[in-house]
């Protein structure tokens, strides 16, 4: 079930860009928002730590 949060993203969240419909006097438009689609796993942390190390040492992949 969708849950609406305003002003913050919970820690360890996986976030993608999205839109939410909003009514204006000129009509309904999609307003940009962040969509939380899940929580990060430990395996994701290991992969991103490798990317961080490669960036830190200027290693091209």
PDB file of N, CA and C in Angstrom:
ATOM      1  N   UNK A   1       0.850  -1.183   0.000  1.00  0.00           N
ATOM      2  CA  UNK A   1       0.000   0.000   0.000  1.00  0.00           C
ATOM      3  C   UNK A   1       0.894   1.246   0.000  1.00  0.00           C
ATOM      4  N   UNK A   2       0.629   2.196  -0.889  1.00  0.00           N
ATOM      5  CA  UNK A   2       1.443   3.421  -0.940  1.00  0.00           C
ATOM      6  C   UNK A   2       1.354   4.216   0.363  1.00  0.00           C
ATOM      7  N   UNK A   3       2.494   4.780   0.758  1.00  0.00           N
ATOM      8  CA  UNK A   3       2.561   5.610   1.955  1.00  0.00           C
ATOM      9  C   UNK A   3       3.207   6.930   1.551  1.00  0.00           C
ATOM     10  N   UNK A   4       2.626   8.044   1.966  1.00  0.00           N
ATOM     11  CA  UNK A   4       3.156   9.361   1.602  1.00  0.00           C
ATOM     12  C   UNK A   4       3.977   9.929   2.749  1.00  0.00           C
ATOM     13  N   UNK A   5       5.213  10.329   2.424  1.00  0.00           N
ATOM     14  CA  UNK A   5       6.097  10.970   3.403  1.00  0.00           C
ATOM     15  C   UNK A   5       6.546  12.289   2.801  1.00  0.00           C
ATOM     16  N   UNK A   6       6.629  13.302   3.609  1.00  0.00           N
ATOM     17  CA  UNK A   6       7.062  14.604   3.108  1.00  0.00           C
ATOM     18  C   UNK A   6       8.280  15.075   3.880  1.00  0.00           C
ATOM     19  N   UNK A   7       9.280  15.573   3.145  1.00  0.00           N
ATOM     20  CA  UNK A   7      10.420  16.220   3.774  1.00  0.00           C
ATOM     21  C   UNK A   7      11.625  15.356   4.065  1.00  0.00           C
ATOM     22  N   UNK A   8      11.502  14.035   3.972  1.00  0.00           N
ATOM     23  CA  UNK A   8      12.676  13.202   4.227  1.00  0.00           C
ATOM     24  C   UNK A   8      12.525  11.847   3.545  1.00  0.00           C
ATOM     25  N   UNK A   9      13.672  11.191   3.376  1.00  0.00           N
ATOM     26  CA  UNK A   9      13.700   9.829   2.847  1.00  0.00           C
ATOM     27  C   UNK A   9      14.273   8.947   3.957  1.00  0.00           C
ATOM     28  N   UNK A  10      13.609   7.850   4.293  1.00  0.00           N
ATOM     29  CA  UNK A  10      14.118   6.980   5.353  1.00  0.00           C
ATOM     30  C   UNK A  10      15.520   6.452   5.021  1.00  0.00           C
ATOM     31  N   UNK A  11      16.355   6.244   6.040  1.00  0.00           N
ATOM     32  CA  UNK A  11      17.701   5.707   5.809  1.00  0.00           C
ATOM     33  C   UNK A  11      17.653   4.368   5.076  1.00  0.00           C
ATOM     34  N   UNK A  12      18.675   4.109   4.272  1.00  0.00           N
ATOM     35  CA  UNK A  12      18.858   2.849   3.531  1.00  0.00           C
ATOM     36  C   UNK A  12      17.785   2.606   2.479  1.00  0.00           C
ATOM     37  N   UNK A  13      17.080   3.656   2.061  1.00  0.00           N
ATOM     38  CA  UNK A  13      16.032   3.514   1.056  1.00  0.00           C
ATOM     39  C   UNK A  13      16.613   3.468  -0.350  1.00  0.00           C
ATOM     40  N   UNK A  14      15.940   2.716  -1.222  1.00  0.00           N
ATOM     41  CA  UNK A  14      16.243   2.712  -2.651  1.00  0.00           C
ATOM     42  C   UNK A  14      15.223   3.652  -3.274  1.00  0.00           C
ATOM     43  N   UNK A  15      15.716   4.708  -3.945  1.00  0.00           N
ATOM     44  CA  UNK A  15      14.842   5.778  -4.428  1.00  0.00           C
ATOM     45  C   UNK A  15      15.016   5.968  -5.928  1.00  0.00           C
ATOM     46  N   UNK A  16      13.895   6.144  -6.628  1.00  0.00           N
ATOM     47  CA  UNK A  16      13.918   6.467  -8.055  1.00  0.00           C
ATOM     48  C   UNK A  16      13.067   7.719  -8.274  1.00  0.00           C
ATOM     49  N   UNK A  17      13.341   8.455  -9.373  1.00  0.00           N
ATOM     50  CA  UNK A  17      12.512   9.625  -9.659  1.00  0.00           C
ATOM     51  C   UNK A  17      11.147   9.200 -10.190  1.00  0.00           C
ATOM     52  N   UNK A  18      10.139   9.994  -9.883  1.00  0.00           N
ATOM     53  CA  UNK A  18       8.795   9.718 -10.367  1.00  0.00           C
ATOM     54  C   UNK A  18       7.966  10.984 -10.376  1.00  0.00           C
ATOM     55  N   UNK A  19       6.675  10.837 -10.594  1.00  0.00           N
ATOM     56  CA  UNK A  19       5.757  11.976 -10.559  1.00  0.00           C
ATOM     57  C   UNK A  19       4.507  11.582  -9.787  1.00  0.00           C
ATOM     58  N   UNK A  20       3.864  12.596  -9.237  1.00  0.00           N
ATOM     59  CA  UNK A  20       2.589  12.405  -8.554  1.00  0.00           C
ATOM     60  C   UNK A  20       1.605  13.409  -9.162  1.00  0.00           C
ATOM     61  N   UNK A  21       0.376  12.978  -9.467  1.00  0.00           N
ATOM     62  CA  UNK A  21      -0.572  13.911 -10.064  1.00  0.00           C
ATOM     63  C   UNK A  21      -1.018  14.979  -9.067  1.00  0.00           C
ATOM     64  N   UNK A  22      -1.100  16.220  -9.531  1.00  0.00           N
ATOM     65  CA  UNK A  22      -1.560  17.319  -8.683  1.00  0.00           C
ATOM     66  C   UNK A  22      -2.482  18.214  -9.503  1.00  0.00           C
ATOM     67  N   UNK A  23      -3.584  18.594  -8.895  1.00  0.00           N
ATOM     68  CA  UNK A  23      -4.580  19.429  -9.569  1.00  0.00           C
ATOM     69  C   UNK A  23      -4.235  20.908  -9.398  1.00  0.00           C
ATOM     70  N   UNK A  24      -4.216  21.628 -10.517  1.00  0.00           N
ATOM     71  CA  UNK A  24      -4.008  23.075 -10.545  1.00  0.00           C
ATOM     72  C   UNK A  24      -5.199  23.703 -11.254  1.00  0.00           C
ATOM     73  N   UNK A  25      -5.394  25.032 -11.123  1.00  0.00           N
ATOM     74  CA  UNK A  25      -6.500  25.681 -11.838  1.00  0.00           C
ATOM     75  C   UNK A  25      -6.455  25.431 -13.352  1.00  0.00           C
ATOM     76  N   UNK A  26      -5.255  25.266 -13.910  1.00  0.00           N
ATOM     77  CA  UNK A  26      -5.113  25.048 -15.355  1.00  0.00           C
ATOM     78  C   UNK A  26      -5.228  23.580 -15.745  1.00  0.00           C
ATOM     79  N   UNK A  27      -5.399  22.687 -14.784  1.00  0.00           N
ATOM     80  CA  UNK A  27      -5.521  21.267 -15.090  1.00  0.00           C
ATOM     81  C   UNK A  27      -4.688  20.403 -14.160  1.00  0.00           C
ATOM     82  N   UNK A  28      -4.619  19.114 -14.482  1.00  0.00           N
ATOM     83  CA  UNK A  28      -3.850  18.182 -13.658  1.00  0.00           C
ATOM     84  C   UNK A  28      -2.491  17.941 -14.300  1.00  0.00           C
ATOM     85  N   UNK A  29      -1.444  18.011 -13.477  1.00  0.00           N
ATOM     86  CA  UNK A  29      -0.080  17.848 -13.971  1.00  0.00           C
ATOM     87  C   UNK A  29       0.683  16.898 -13.063  1.00  0.00           C
ATOM     88  N   UNK A  30       1.699  16.271 -13.624  1.00  0.00           N
ATOM     89  CA  UNK A  30       2.580  15.410 -12.848  1.00  0.00           C
ATOM     90  C   UNK A  30       3.673  16.237 -12.200  1.00  0.00           C
ATOM     91  N   UNK A  31       3.758  16.190 -10.884  1.00  0.00           N
ATOM     92  CA  UNK A  31       4.760  16.935 -10.125  1.00  0.00           C
ATOM     93  C   UNK A  31       5.882  15.958  -9.743  1.00  0.00           C
ATOM     94  N   UNK A  32       7.149  16.345  -9.954  1.00  0.00           N
ATOM     95  CA  UNK A  32       8.254  15.439  -9.618  1.00  0.00           C
ATOM     96  C   UNK A  32       8.260  15.055  -8.135  1.00  0.00           C
ATOM     97  N   UNK A  33       8.636  13.811  -7.883  1.00  0.00           N
ATOM     98  CA  UNK A  33       8.745  13.329  -6.504  1.00  0.00           C
ATOM     99  C   UNK A  33       9.764  12.196  -6.456  1.00  0.00           C
ATOM    100  N   UNK A  34      10.122  11.782  -5.264  1.00  0.00           N
ATOM    101  CA  UNK A  34      11.004  10.635  -5.057  1.00  0.00           C
ATOM    102  C   UNK A  34      10.136   9.431  -4.700  1.00  0.00           C
ATOM    103  N   UNK A  35      10.347   8.320  -5.388  1.00  0.00           N
ATOM    104  CA  UNK A  35       9.594   7.098  -5.102  1.00  0.00           C
ATOM    105  C   UNK A  35      10.511   6.112  -4.384  1.00  0.00           C
ATOM    106  N   UNK A  36      10.155   5.746  -3.173  1.00  0.00           N
ATOM    107  CA  UNK A  36      10.915   4.760  -2.412  1.00  0.00           C
ATOM    108  C   UNK A  36      10.412   3.386  -2.846  1.00  0.00           C
ATOM    109  N   UNK A  37      11.296   2.591  -3.465  1.00  0.00           N
ATOM    110  CA  UNK A  37      10.868   1.293  -3.992  1.00  0.00           C
ATOM    111  C   UNK A  37      11.365   0.120  -3.158  1.00  0.00           C
ATOM    112  N   UNK A  38      12.135   0.407  -2.114  1.00  0.00           N
ATOM    113  CA  UNK A  38      12.614  -0.680  -1.261  1.00  0.00           C
ATOM    114  C   UNK A  38      13.688  -0.203  -0.309  1.00  0.00           C
ATOM    115  N   UNK A  39      14.311  -1.169   0.338  1.00  0.00           N
ATOM    116  CA  UNK A  39      15.402  -0.894   1.268  1.00  0.00           C
ATOM    117  C   UNK A  39      16.681  -1.527   0.724  1.00  0.00           C
ATOM    118  N   UNK A  40      17.822  -0.845   0.942  1.00  0.00           N
ATOM    119  CA  UNK A  40      19.104  -1.382   0.489  1.00  0.00           C
ATOM    120  C   UNK A  40      19.457  -2.643   1.255  1.00  0.00           C
ATOM    121  N   UNK A  41      20.073  -3.586   0.530  1.00  0.00           N
ATOM    122  CA  UNK A  41      20.527  -4.829   1.139  1.00  0.00           C
ATOM    123  C   UNK A  41      22.023  -4.720   1.429  1.00  0.00           C
ATOM    124  N   UNK A  42      22.528  -5.613   2.250  1.00  0.00           N
ATOM    125  CA  UNK A  42      23.960  -5.630   2.555  1.00  0.00           C
ATOM    126  C   UNK A  42      24.779  -5.880   1.291  1.00  0.00           C
ATOM    127  N   UNK A  43      24.265  -6.713   0.377  1.00  0.00           N
ATOM    128  CA  UNK A  43      24.995  -6.988  -0.869  1.00  0.00           C
ATOM    129  C   UNK A  43      25.140  -5.719  -1.705  1.00  0.00           C
ATOM    130  N   UNK A  44      24.152  -4.847  -1.661  1.00  0.00           N
ATOM    131  CA  UNK A  44      24.235  -3.565  -2.374  1.00  0.00           C
ATOM    132  C   UNK A  44      25.328  -2.699  -1.768  1.00  0.00           C
ATOM    133  N   UNK A  45      25.425  -2.693  -0.445  1.00  0.00           N
ATOM    134  CA  UNK A  45      26.468  -1.915   0.221  1.00  0.00           C
ATOM    135  C   UNK A  45      27.853  -2.377  -0.205  1.00  0.00           C
ATOM    136  N   UNK A  46      28.049  -3.690  -0.346  1.00  0.00           N
ATOM    137  CA  UNK A  46      29.357  -4.206  -0.774  1.00  0.00           C
ATOM    138  C   UNK A  46      29.682  -3.733  -2.183  1.00  0.00           C
ATOM    139  N   UNK A  47      28.702  -3.757  -3.078  1.00  0.00           N
ATOM    140  CA  UNK A  47      28.940  -3.320  -4.461  1.00  0.00           C
ATOM    141  C   UNK A  47      29.250  -1.832  -4.520  1.00  0.00           C
ATOM    142  N   UNK A  48      28.502  -1.032  -3.786  1.00  0.00           N
ATOM    143  CA  UNK A  48      28.740   0.413  -3.836  1.00  0.00           C
ATOM    144  C   UNK A  48      30.048   0.778  -3.158  1.00  0.00           C
ATOM    145  N   UNK A  49      30.497  -0.005  -2.169  1.00  0.00           N
ATOM    146  CA  UNK A  49      31.787   0.290  -1.539  1.00  0.00           C
ATOM    147  C   UNK A  49      32.916   0.067  -2.532  1.00  0.00           C
ATOM    148  N   UNK A  50      32.791  -0.911  -3.428  1.00  0.00           N
ATOM    149  CA  UNK A  50      33.788  -1.119  -4.477  1.00  0.00           C
ATOM    150  C   UNK A  50      33.806   0.077  -5.416  1.00  0.00           C
ATOM    151  N   UNK A  51      32.628   0.551  -5.827  1.00  0.00           N
ATOM    152  CA  UNK A  51      32.559   1.733  -6.694  1.00  0.00           C
ATOM    153  C   UNK A  51      33.199   2.939  -6.026  1.00  0.00           C
ATOM    154  N   UNK A  52      32.940   3.133  -4.747  1.00  0.00           N
ATOM    155  CA  UNK A  52      33.530   4.258  -4.013  1.00  0.00           C
ATOM    156  C   UNK A  52      35.053   4.164  -4.007  1.00  0.00           C
ATOM    157  N   UNK A  53      35.580   2.965  -3.779  1.00  0.00           N
ATOM    158  CA  UNK A  53      37.039   2.780  -3.758  1.00  0.00           C
ATOM    159  C   UNK A  53      37.639   3.063  -5.130  1.00  0.00           C
ATOM    160  N   UNK A  54      36.991   2.601  -6.189  1.00  0.00           N
ATOM    161  CA  UNK A  54      37.493   2.853  -7.544  1.00  0.00           C
ATOM    162  C   UNK A  54      37.495   4.345  -7.852  1.00  0.00           C
ATOM    163  N   UNK A  55      36.449   5.057  -7.467  1.00  0.00           N
ATOM    164  CA  UNK A  55      36.392   6.506  -7.695  1.00  0.00           C
ATOM    165  C   UNK A  55      37.467   7.230  -6.886  1.00  0.00           C
ATOM    166  N   UNK A  56      37.630   6.815  -5.643  1.00  0.00           N
ATOM    167  CA  UNK A  56      38.597   7.467  -4.760  1.00  0.00           C
ATOM    168  C   UNK A  56      40.018   7.374  -5.313  1.00  0.00           C
ATOM    169  N   UNK A  57      40.339   6.265  -5.985  1.00  0.00           N
ATOM    170  CA  UNK A  57      41.692   6.053  -6.505  1.00  0.00           C
ATOM    171  C   UNK A  57      41.779   6.296  -8.015  1.00  0.00           C
ATOM    172  N   UNK A  58      40.751   6.928  -8.593  1.00  0.00           N
ATOM    173  CA  UNK A  58      40.724   7.260 -10.028  1.00  0.00           C
ATOM    174  C   UNK A  58      40.982   6.058 -10.929  1.00  0.00           C
ATOM    175  N   UNK A  59      40.335   4.941 -10.651  1.00  0.00           N
ATOM    176  CA  UNK A  59      40.479   3.738 -11.462  1.00  0.00           C
ATOM    177  C   UNK A  59      39.312   3.682 -12.438  1.00  0.00           C
ATOM    178  N   UNK A  60      39.637   3.678 -13.738  1.00  0.00           N
ATOM    179  CA  UNK A  60      38.592   3.585 -14.766  1.00  0.00           C
ATOM    180  C   UNK A  60      38.231   2.120 -14.979  1.00  0.00           C
ATOM    181  N   UNK A  61      36.947   1.864 -15.140  1.00  0.00           N
ATOM    182  CA  UNK A  61      36.485   0.490 -15.363  1.00  0.00           C
ATOM    183  C   UNK A  61      35.926   0.378 -16.753  1.00  0.00           C
TER     184      UNK A  61
END
